[in-house]
Protein backbone atom coordinates (compact mmCIF):
# COMPACT_ATOMS: atom_id res chain seq x y z
CA MET A 1 139.94 -87.55 52.89
CA LYS A 2 137.92 -90.78 53.67
CA LEU A 3 139.60 -93.94 52.49
CA LEU A 4 137.50 -95.65 49.66
CA HIS A 5 137.63 -99.06 48.84
CA ARG A 6 136.38 -101.34 45.50
CA PHE A 7 134.10 -104.06 45.10
CA ASN A 8 134.71 -106.76 42.29
CA GLY A 9 133.90 -106.22 38.68
CA GLY A 10 131.43 -103.35 37.52
CA ILE A 11 131.16 -101.84 33.84
CA HIS A 12 131.16 -98.33 32.28
CA PRO A 13 128.25 -98.02 29.92
CA PRO A 14 127.26 -95.00 28.35
CA GLN A 15 125.34 -92.71 31.10
CA HIS A 16 122.94 -90.67 28.95
CA LYS A 17 122.30 -88.51 32.09
CA THR A 18 123.02 -84.85 30.63
CA GLU A 19 120.01 -85.11 28.56
CA SER A 20 117.29 -84.97 31.45
CA THR A 21 119.22 -82.57 33.85
CA ARG A 22 119.48 -79.61 31.77
CA LEU A 23 116.14 -78.03 33.18
CA PRO A 24 115.01 -78.30 36.91
CA ILE A 25 112.31 -80.39 38.28
CA LEU A 26 108.60 -79.91 36.92
CA SER A 27 105.37 -80.47 38.85
CA ALA A 28 103.14 -82.50 36.61
CA PRO A 29 99.59 -81.43 36.30
CA ILE A 30 96.72 -83.34 37.94
CA PRO A 31 95.65 -85.79 35.71
CA GLU A 32 91.93 -86.48 35.13
CA LYS A 33 92.01 -89.72 36.83
CA LEU A 34 94.52 -91.44 39.14
CA VAL A 35 94.51 -95.10 39.14
CA ILE A 36 96.31 -96.12 42.89
CA PRO A 37 97.37 -99.82 43.06
CA LEU A 38 97.29 -100.89 46.74
CA HIS A 39 100.23 -103.17 46.23
CA GLN A 40 103.06 -100.59 46.07
CA HIS A 41 105.55 -102.19 48.13
CA ILE A 42 107.15 -105.31 49.09
CA GLY A 43 105.04 -107.43 51.22
CA THR A 44 101.14 -107.63 51.72
CA SER A 45 98.91 -105.12 49.82
CA ALA A 46 97.10 -102.88 51.47
CA LYS A 47 93.70 -102.89 52.77
CA PRO A 48 91.14 -100.62 50.99
CA LEU A 49 89.60 -98.55 53.25
CA VAL A 50 87.03 -96.76 51.03
CA ALA A 51 84.13 -97.82 48.65
CA ALA A 52 83.14 -96.32 45.29
CA GLY A 53 81.38 -93.19 45.49
CA ASP A 54 83.12 -91.85 48.53
CA ALA A 55 84.43 -88.40 48.42
CA VAL A 56 88.36 -88.15 49.84
CA LEU A 57 90.90 -85.59 50.75
CA LYS A 58 94.57 -85.06 49.36
CA GLY A 59 96.22 -87.59 51.97
CA GLN A 60 93.53 -89.22 53.45
CA MET A 61 94.27 -93.13 53.81
CA ILE A 62 92.61 -94.90 51.23
CA GLY A 63 94.33 -98.58 52.06
CA LYS A 64 95.84 -99.56 55.48
CA ALA A 65 98.80 -101.99 55.57
CA GLU A 66 97.81 -105.53 56.19
CA GLY A 67 100.33 -107.34 58.18
CA TYR A 68 103.76 -106.42 59.53
CA VAL A 69 105.51 -106.23 56.15
CA SER A 70 103.06 -103.72 54.68
CA SER A 71 102.58 -99.97 53.84
CA SER A 72 99.54 -97.77 53.71
CA VAL A 73 98.37 -95.88 50.66
CA HIS A 74 97.05 -92.43 50.25
CA ALA A 75 94.66 -90.57 48.30
CA PRO A 76 97.37 -88.37 46.20
CA THR A 77 94.65 -85.45 45.85
CA SER A 78 90.95 -84.71 46.65
CA GLY A 79 88.24 -85.97 44.68
CA LYS A 80 85.70 -89.05 44.52
CA ILE A 81 86.27 -92.59 44.47
CA THR A 82 84.82 -93.94 41.49
CA ALA A 83 86.21 -97.73 41.25
CA ILE A 84 87.71 -100.41 42.96
CA GLY A 85 88.97 -103.38 41.10
CA TYR A 86 91.61 -104.83 39.10
CA GLU A 87 93.37 -102.87 36.71
CA PRO A 88 96.78 -102.84 34.32
CA ALA A 89 99.64 -102.56 36.77
CA PRO A 90 103.06 -101.75 35.94
CA HIS A 91 104.70 -105.01 36.28
CA PRO A 92 106.52 -107.34 33.74
CA SER A 93 104.02 -110.06 34.11
CA GLY A 94 101.76 -107.65 32.56
CA LEU A 95 99.00 -108.89 35.42
CA ARG A 96 96.38 -106.65 36.96
CA ASP A 97 96.38 -105.69 40.57
CA LEU A 98 93.31 -104.24 43.10
CA CYS A 99 93.50 -100.76 42.29
CA ILE A 100 91.72 -97.65 43.66
CA THR A 101 90.55 -95.28 40.72
CA LEU A 102 90.00 -91.76 41.80
CA GLU A 103 88.67 -88.66 40.11
CA PRO A 104 90.25 -85.49 41.20
CA ASP A 105 88.06 -82.54 41.98
CA GLY A 106 90.75 -79.73 40.99
CA LEU A 107 90.21 -78.20 44.66
CA ASP A 108 93.76 -80.41 46.03
CA ALA A 109 92.35 -79.89 49.83
CA TRP A 110 94.12 -81.38 52.38
CA ILE A 111 93.29 -83.44 55.38
CA GLU A 112 94.08 -81.87 58.52
CA ARG A 113 97.98 -82.73 59.39
CA HIS A 114 100.04 -82.92 62.24
CA PRO A 115 104.14 -82.38 62.57
CA LEU A 116 105.55 -84.50 65.12
CA ASP A 117 108.30 -83.33 67.72
CA TYR A 118 110.47 -86.37 66.74
CA LEU A 119 113.39 -85.30 69.40
CA ASN A 120 110.53 -86.04 72.32
CA MET A 121 109.30 -89.33 70.97
CA ASP A 122 110.40 -92.73 70.87
CA PRO A 123 111.70 -94.31 67.73
CA SER A 124 108.74 -96.97 67.99
CA SER A 125 106.31 -94.10 67.60
CA LEU A 126 107.99 -92.59 64.69
CA ARG A 127 107.93 -95.86 63.02
CA ASN A 128 104.03 -96.74 63.16
CA ARG A 129 104.06 -93.05 61.76
CA LEU A 130 106.14 -94.06 59.18
CA ARG A 131 103.89 -97.17 58.41
CA ASP A 132 100.81 -95.03 58.13
CA ALA A 133 102.58 -92.78 56.19
CA GLY A 134 103.30 -95.13 53.25
CA VAL A 135 107.13 -94.19 53.41
CA VAL A 136 109.15 -97.11 51.68
CA GLY A 137 112.53 -97.27 49.85
CA LEU A 138 112.18 -95.22 46.87
CA GLY A 139 115.19 -96.33 45.14
CA GLY A 140 113.29 -99.20 43.67
CA ALA A 141 113.35 -101.92 46.24
CA VAL A 142 110.41 -100.08 47.39
CA PHE A 143 110.69 -101.70 50.98
CA PRO A 144 108.66 -100.67 54.06
CA SER A 145 111.09 -98.29 55.80
CA PHE A 146 109.49 -98.55 59.27
CA ILE A 147 110.96 -102.00 59.29
CA LYS A 148 114.43 -100.93 58.26
CA LEU A 149 114.74 -98.58 60.99
CA ASN A 150 114.03 -101.05 63.20
CA PRO A 151 117.36 -103.24 63.58
CA GLY A 152 115.95 -105.52 66.03
CA SER A 153 117.12 -105.71 70.12
CA GLY A 154 120.63 -106.15 71.11
CA LYS A 155 121.66 -104.86 67.16
CA LYS A 156 123.44 -101.43 66.82
CA ILE A 157 123.78 -99.21 63.85
CA LYS A 158 127.13 -97.52 63.80
CA THR A 159 126.72 -96.50 60.02
CA LEU A 160 124.04 -95.04 58.27
CA VAL A 161 124.67 -94.56 54.57
CA LEU A 162 122.53 -92.47 52.29
CA ASN A 163 122.49 -93.64 48.87
CA GLY A 164 122.84 -90.80 46.32
CA ALA A 165 125.31 -92.86 43.96
CA GLU A 166 122.55 -93.39 41.47
CA CYS A 167 124.41 -95.60 39.10
CA GLU A 168 122.21 -96.82 36.34
CA PRO A 169 122.17 -94.98 32.98
CA TYR A 170 119.23 -92.42 32.30
CA ILE A 171 118.09 -92.14 35.54
CA THR A 172 118.41 -88.88 37.26
CA CYS A 173 115.66 -88.21 39.62
CA ASP A 174 117.91 -88.46 42.73
CA ASP A 175 120.41 -86.49 41.10
CA MET A 176 118.04 -83.40 40.60
CA LEU A 177 116.19 -83.93 43.72
CA MET A 178 119.87 -83.45 45.83
CA ARG A 179 120.31 -80.55 43.59
CA GLU A 180 117.20 -79.02 44.67
CA ARG A 181 115.99 -80.28 47.66
CA ALA A 182 119.21 -80.62 49.55
CA ASP A 183 118.27 -79.11 52.85
CA GLU A 184 115.06 -81.76 53.04
CA ILE A 185 117.09 -85.03 52.61
CA ILE A 186 119.58 -83.87 55.41
CA ALA A 187 116.65 -83.22 57.73
CA GLY A 188 115.48 -86.43 57.05
CA ALA A 189 118.92 -88.63 57.49
CA LYS A 190 118.68 -86.74 60.95
CA ILE A 191 115.84 -88.07 61.81
CA MET A 192 116.34 -91.24 60.48
CA ARG A 193 120.50 -91.04 62.82
CA PHE A 194 117.79 -90.34 65.75
CA MET A 195 115.72 -93.32 64.99
CA LEU A 196 118.55 -95.65 64.78
CA HIS A 197 121.00 -94.02 66.92
CA ALA A 198 123.81 -94.18 64.53
CA GLU A 199 127.33 -92.72 65.13
CA GLU A 200 128.05 -91.71 61.53
CA VAL A 201 126.18 -90.72 58.56
CA LEU A 202 127.80 -91.38 54.86
CA ILE A 203 126.53 -89.59 51.97
CA GLY A 204 127.95 -91.62 49.26
CA ILE A 205 127.38 -89.91 45.50
CA GLU A 206 128.82 -91.03 42.19
CA ASP A 207 131.53 -88.47 41.23
CA ASN A 208 129.77 -87.50 38.17
CA LYS A 209 127.18 -85.64 39.78
CA PRO A 210 128.98 -82.40 40.91
CA GLU A 211 126.62 -80.29 41.34
CA ALA A 212 124.51 -82.77 43.82
CA ILE A 213 127.84 -82.96 45.68
CA ALA A 214 128.26 -79.51 46.00
CA ALA A 215 124.38 -78.80 47.32
CA MET A 216 124.36 -81.64 49.55
CA ARG A 217 127.93 -80.29 51.25
CA ALA A 218 126.31 -76.53 51.72
CA ALA A 219 123.16 -77.96 53.10
CA LEU A 220 125.04 -80.09 55.49
CA LYS A 221 126.11 -77.02 57.64
CA GLU A 222 126.82 -77.76 61.26
CA ALA A 223 125.49 -81.98 60.83
CA PRO A 224 128.27 -84.21 61.72
CA PHE A 225 127.61 -86.03 58.24
CA GLU A 226 130.17 -86.49 55.60
CA VAL A 227 129.45 -86.33 51.91
CA ILE A 228 131.89 -88.78 50.25
CA PRO A 229 132.13 -88.67 46.28
CA VAL A 230 132.64 -92.26 44.91
CA PRO A 231 133.67 -93.42 41.23
CA THR A 232 131.17 -93.78 38.80
CA ILE A 233 130.90 -97.44 38.21
CA TYR A 234 127.84 -99.34 37.66
CA PRO A 235 126.37 -101.09 40.17
CA GLY A 236 127.97 -98.83 42.70
CA GLY A 237 124.61 -97.76 43.75
CA GLY A 238 123.44 -101.45 44.60
CA ALA A 239 123.15 -100.99 48.87
CA LYS A 240 125.99 -104.13 49.60
CA GLN A 241 128.58 -102.28 46.94
CA LEU A 242 127.87 -99.03 48.24
CA ILE A 243 128.30 -100.15 51.75
CA ARG A 244 131.22 -101.72 50.47
CA VAL A 245 133.35 -98.74 48.82
CA LEU A 246 132.38 -96.38 51.58
CA THR A 247 133.06 -98.82 54.54
CA GLY A 248 135.15 -101.64 53.52
CA ILE A 249 132.57 -104.12 54.71
CA GLU A 250 131.55 -106.87 52.68
CA VAL A 251 128.28 -108.07 53.71
CA PRO A 252 128.48 -112.05 53.64
CA ALA A 253 125.56 -114.12 51.48
CA GLY A 254 122.80 -114.93 53.83
CA GLU A 255 123.12 -111.84 56.20
CA ARG A 256 121.91 -108.45 56.39
CA SER A 257 123.69 -105.05 56.67
CA THR A 258 122.62 -104.30 60.14
CA ASP A 259 124.14 -107.48 61.32
CA LEU A 260 127.42 -105.92 60.49
CA GLY A 261 126.46 -102.78 61.97
CA VAL A 262 125.26 -100.73 58.67
CA GLN A 263 121.81 -99.60 57.30
CA CYS A 264 121.56 -98.07 54.19
CA PHE A 265 118.58 -95.82 52.45
CA ASN A 266 118.08 -94.17 49.34
CA VAL A 267 118.21 -90.07 49.55
CA ALA A 268 114.66 -89.95 48.33
CA THR A 269 113.51 -92.10 51.25
CA ALA A 270 115.34 -89.66 53.55
CA LEU A 271 113.15 -86.75 52.03
CA SER A 272 110.04 -88.94 52.60
CA VAL A 273 110.81 -89.47 56.29
CA TYR A 274 111.43 -85.76 56.55
CA ARG A 275 108.09 -84.71 54.80
CA ALA A 276 105.99 -87.57 56.71
CA ILE A 277 107.15 -86.65 60.25
CA ALA A 278 107.87 -82.68 60.26
CA HIS A 279 105.04 -81.95 57.96
CA GLY A 280 102.36 -84.78 58.49
CA GLU A 281 102.50 -85.47 54.45
CA PRO A 282 101.95 -89.01 53.56
CA VAL A 283 104.03 -90.14 50.45
CA LEU A 284 101.84 -88.78 47.50
CA SER A 285 104.25 -88.06 44.63
CA ARG A 286 107.37 -89.26 43.46
CA ILE A 287 110.23 -87.70 41.22
CA VAL A 288 110.27 -89.26 38.24
CA THR A 289 112.72 -89.17 34.98
CA ILE A 290 111.15 -89.27 31.56
CA THR A 291 113.77 -89.76 29.06
CA GLY A 292 115.00 -91.48 26.04
CA ALA A 293 113.32 -91.43 22.60
CA VAL A 294 111.56 -88.21 23.53
CA ASN A 295 111.80 -84.56 22.47
CA LYS A 296 111.89 -83.06 26.07
CA PRO A 297 113.45 -85.43 28.72
CA ARG A 298 113.11 -83.62 31.78
CA ASN A 299 112.33 -84.69 35.64
CA TYR A 300 108.49 -84.68 36.70
CA GLU A 301 107.31 -84.69 40.24
CA ALA A 302 104.07 -86.24 39.72
CA LEU A 303 101.23 -87.82 41.66
CA ILE A 304 101.41 -91.66 42.56
CA GLY A 305 98.43 -93.26 40.29
CA THR A 306 99.38 -90.76 37.36
CA PRO A 307 99.09 -92.68 34.24
CA ILE A 308 102.71 -93.13 32.45
CA ASP A 309 101.41 -92.13 29.20
CA VAL A 310 100.08 -88.67 30.18
CA LEU A 311 104.24 -88.45 31.68
CA ILE A 312 105.26 -89.52 28.29
CA ARG A 313 103.02 -86.66 26.08
CA LEU A 314 104.44 -83.67 28.56
CA ALA A 315 108.01 -85.05 27.12
CA ALA A 316 107.17 -85.09 23.34
CA PRO A 317 107.71 -88.76 22.33
CA VAL A 318 109.38 -88.84 18.73
CA LYS A 319 107.75 -90.43 15.71
CA ASP A 320 109.07 -93.79 16.01
CA SER A 321 108.66 -93.91 19.55
CA ASP A 322 107.59 -97.73 20.38
CA GLY A 323 106.71 -98.72 24.17
CA ALA A 324 108.65 -97.81 26.98
CA ILE A 325 111.07 -99.31 29.98
CA MET A 326 110.17 -98.70 33.39
CA GLY A 327 113.19 -98.10 35.49
CA GLY A 328 116.86 -98.18 33.86
CA PRO A 329 118.35 -100.09 30.87
CA MET A 330 120.18 -102.40 33.12
CA MET A 331 117.55 -103.30 35.46
CA GLY A 332 114.64 -102.04 33.97
CA PHE A 333 111.73 -104.24 32.43
CA GLU A 334 109.60 -103.19 29.26
CA LEU A 335 106.13 -101.99 30.22
CA PRO A 336 103.26 -103.93 28.96
CA SER A 337 101.47 -100.80 28.47
CA THR A 338 102.12 -97.11 29.28
CA CYS A 339 98.37 -96.76 30.39
CA VAL A 340 99.65 -98.33 33.74
CA PRO A 341 100.00 -95.82 36.65
CA LEU A 342 103.07 -94.23 38.38
CA VAL A 343 103.66 -96.02 41.61
CA LYS A 344 106.56 -95.60 44.14
CA ALA A 345 108.64 -97.76 42.62
CA THR A 346 108.58 -95.71 39.38
CA ASN A 347 112.29 -93.91 39.23
CA CYS A 348 112.57 -93.65 35.33
CA ILE A 349 110.54 -94.24 32.16
CA ILE A 350 112.72 -94.38 29.06
CA VAL A 351 110.49 -94.05 25.86
CA LYS A 352 111.82 -96.40 23.30
CA SER A 353 112.65 -96.33 19.68
CA ALA A 354 114.54 -98.50 16.88
CA THR A 355 116.93 -96.24 16.67
CA LEU A 356 117.66 -96.16 20.71
CA PHE A 357 116.93 -99.24 21.53
CA PRO A 358 117.57 -101.82 18.51
CA PRO A 359 116.69 -105.43 18.20
CA ALA A 360 118.77 -107.65 20.44
CA PRO A 361 121.51 -109.60 18.22
CA GLN A 362 120.80 -113.41 17.91
CA PRO A 363 122.48 -115.57 21.05
CA MET A 364 125.21 -117.89 20.05
CA PRO A 365 126.82 -120.60 22.20
CA CYS A 366 128.94 -119.70 25.26
CA ILE A 367 132.54 -119.74 24.70
CA ARG A 368 133.50 -119.46 28.19
CA CYS A 369 135.75 -116.58 27.83
CA GLY A 370 135.10 -115.55 31.73
CA LYS A 371 134.13 -111.90 30.96
CA CYS A 372 131.03 -112.63 32.71
CA ALA A 373 132.51 -113.45 36.14
CA GLU A 374 135.29 -110.58 35.97
CA SER A 375 132.35 -108.34 35.49
CA CYS A 376 130.06 -109.87 38.33
CA PRO A 377 129.83 -107.50 41.19
CA ALA A 378 128.50 -110.29 43.43
CA ASP A 379 131.68 -112.47 42.65
CA LEU A 380 129.68 -115.25 41.29
CA GLN A 381 130.19 -117.60 38.75
CA PRO A 382 127.40 -116.63 35.62
CA GLN A 383 128.36 -119.18 33.27
CA GLU A 384 127.84 -122.00 35.48
CA LEU A 385 124.59 -120.32 36.90
CA TYR A 386 123.36 -120.02 33.10
CA TRP A 387 124.36 -123.73 32.16
CA PHE A 388 122.33 -124.66 35.27
CA SER A 389 119.46 -122.71 35.20
CA LYS A 390 119.02 -123.55 31.40
CA ALA A 391 119.11 -127.14 32.13
CA GLY A 392 116.51 -126.57 35.06
CA ASN A 393 119.16 -128.19 37.44
CA PHE A 394 117.96 -125.72 40.19
CA GLY A 395 119.63 -127.34 43.00
CA LYS A 396 123.32 -126.88 41.40
CA ALA A 397 121.94 -123.32 40.65
CA GLN A 398 121.36 -122.97 44.00
CA GLU A 399 124.67 -124.27 45.37
CA TYR A 400 126.07 -121.75 43.17
CA ALA A 401 124.26 -118.82 44.91
CA LEU A 402 122.05 -118.27 42.62
CA PHE A 403 120.09 -115.89 44.98
CA ASP A 404 123.27 -113.60 45.55
CA CYS A 405 122.53 -112.74 42.07
CA ILE A 406 121.42 -108.93 42.01
CA GLU A 407 120.59 -109.22 38.74
CA CYS A 408 122.67 -106.49 37.76
CA GLY A 409 122.93 -107.12 33.81
CA CYS A 410 126.26 -106.72 34.01
CA CYS A 411 127.13 -110.19 32.64
CA SER A 412 124.51 -109.96 29.83
CA TYR A 413 126.18 -106.47 29.28
CA VAL A 414 129.88 -108.03 28.76
CA CYS A 415 128.68 -111.29 26.98
CA PRO A 416 129.80 -111.60 23.47
CA SER A 417 127.89 -114.32 22.70
CA HIS A 418 124.92 -111.94 23.37
CA ILE A 419 123.43 -114.62 26.03
CA PRO A 420 120.34 -113.16 27.85
CA LEU A 421 122.11 -114.34 31.34
CA VAL A 422 119.74 -112.56 33.63
CA GLN A 423 116.38 -114.03 32.04
CA PHE A 424 117.85 -117.33 32.93
CA TYR A 425 118.56 -116.50 36.25
CA ARG A 426 115.03 -114.92 36.58
CA TYR A 427 113.71 -117.67 35.12
CA ALA A 428 115.39 -120.58 37.31
CA LYS A 429 114.56 -118.24 40.65
CA SER A 430 110.84 -118.05 39.31
CA GLU A 431 110.80 -122.14 39.16
CA ILE A 432 112.39 -122.38 42.49
CA TRP A 433 109.70 -120.40 44.39
CA ALA A 434 107.21 -122.04 42.36
CA GLN A 435 108.34 -125.28 43.63
CA GLU A 436 108.79 -123.63 47.27
CA ARG A 437 105.07 -122.47 46.86
CA GLU A 438 103.90 -126.38 45.64
CA LYS A 439 105.71 -127.86 48.60
CA LYS A 440 104.69 -125.43 51.10
CA ALA A 441 100.75 -126.12 49.51
CA SER A 442 101.35 -130.14 49.48
CA ASP A 443 102.88 -130.22 53.46
CA LEU A 444 100.03 -127.73 54.42
CA ALA A 445 97.35 -130.29 52.43
CA ARG A 446 99.19 -133.36 54.00
CA ILE A 447 99.21 -131.84 57.60
CA ARG A 448 95.63 -131.28 57.12
CA HIS A 449 94.71 -134.56 56.02
CA GLU A 450 96.74 -136.41 59.09
CA LEU A 451 94.73 -133.52 61.14
CA ARG A 452 91.78 -134.80 59.53
CA VAL A 453 92.60 -138.55 60.00
CA ASP A 454 93.49 -137.89 63.65
CA ARG A 455 90.14 -136.14 64.49
CA MET A 456 88.07 -138.76 63.01
CA GLU A 457 90.11 -141.62 64.84
CA ARG A 458 89.90 -139.40 68.33
CA GLU A 459 85.99 -138.96 67.69
CA LYS A 460 85.65 -142.63 66.93
CA ARG A 461 87.57 -143.87 69.92
CA GLU A 462 85.37 -141.11 72.02
CA LYS A 463 81.87 -142.72 70.70
CA ALA A 464 83.17 -146.11 71.50
CA GLU A 465 84.06 -145.12 74.95
CA ARG A 466 80.68 -143.19 75.27
CA LEU A 467 79.06 -146.64 74.09
CA ALA A 468 80.93 -148.74 76.64
CA GLN A 469 80.16 -146.32 79.28
CA LYS A 470 76.43 -146.26 78.47
CA SER A 471 76.61 -150.03 78.30
CA ALA A 472 78.39 -150.15 81.84
CA GLN A 473 75.78 -148.06 83.30
CA ALA A 474 72.72 -150.13 82.07
CA ARG A 475 74.13 -153.19 83.27
CA THR A 476 74.75 -151.35 86.53
CA GLN A 477 71.04 -150.45 86.51
CA MET A 478 69.79 -153.65 85.43
CA ASN A 479 72.20 -155.60 88.28
CA SER A 480 70.63 -153.23 90.84
CA GLU A 481 67.16 -153.74 89.90
CA GLU A 482 67.48 -157.45 90.01
CA GLU A 483 68.89 -157.34 93.61
CA THR A 484 65.94 -155.42 94.73
């Protein structure tokens, strides 16, 4: 039996998971309209490849990855492109994003697909396929997976970690995925292990998911992997926290787990890797938990671009429902509208109600009890970060490792003064990023000005040199004429 380790802090909020795991995953119907954002991943938005009026097939690339940190997007079904423009996006800012609107034709006709024999291919070619297939981290981070599967020259990955912890309350999409599609997850893990040349594969699943643990162990067969139940504690599903629990390795600030020979992927990402390589299928849908103030909480497999309100209606919201949260109650955010589309990052939609989510109590002054520090899984000093963020002393906040905060919400959850601590940290981070953007813009403007001045001075010198040369030539010619 593998020796498990502990990370600092953590909490035990109410789970609310059984409500949405009583029924199997259900395929959501194809909606009348799909709105597909071109920015569904960390990095640069995809570049549109289609125009309004074009007919497309299911799986056809409609947005190509632009730059290195980017990922492609595809038509979730066959139909007609009706518009390309800015539409409401599932983002806490409420801002619009560039989207492609698709009207399904009901045929669901596929492009021609080409499975790959990955064992006879080099990892670089496989990574290119994953980039073109739009495979990103489906645990919520949506970082392009082909980059994580390239540790870099000279770096050896000893341990591949599959994250099936799913620690946040209400979210059960990974739990149900492991119960019903364990074989495909293991097949995807084999492909990832091949690409990374990993020596071992550890699959961490919280011990409150016995059905998923049993299904994954049954799917292992002869695979030299290990399914490891880990203690149920939030945020045990964080990548650094799970790596710590399974391996004892603590990833220092400013370093990546790959520097220490470990790489971590969500179980849903492993399944999408398998579908992309073994079946030639890009990421067109995902499993999403619809729960909260609904009469029929359940997990649905829905096409990317499906309007969230369509999925909520399938779950039959209660009469006093009001708004929705995308993600979990700890790290998720309230949607500005339920008319926004499902994206690759959407693992859960929690329908709100006054009964389920009563208004937060009025914040009171900090009493410096230290509970926030005790619960912090990143070993930070949340109360100090709060004071510096509130005072606008962002330099000092950075000295106290502000950017090591994973915004898990443990500190806010245990605060007896009901201070929304994470909101202050997000504010401080956004201000620092804004200042850095301003500085970069200022530096760029200064460099451009200096280059312009240098160019003008150079042109002035060159003009003077040309005039001097012409004058010298004229004098030479004049002298030669006088001599003759």
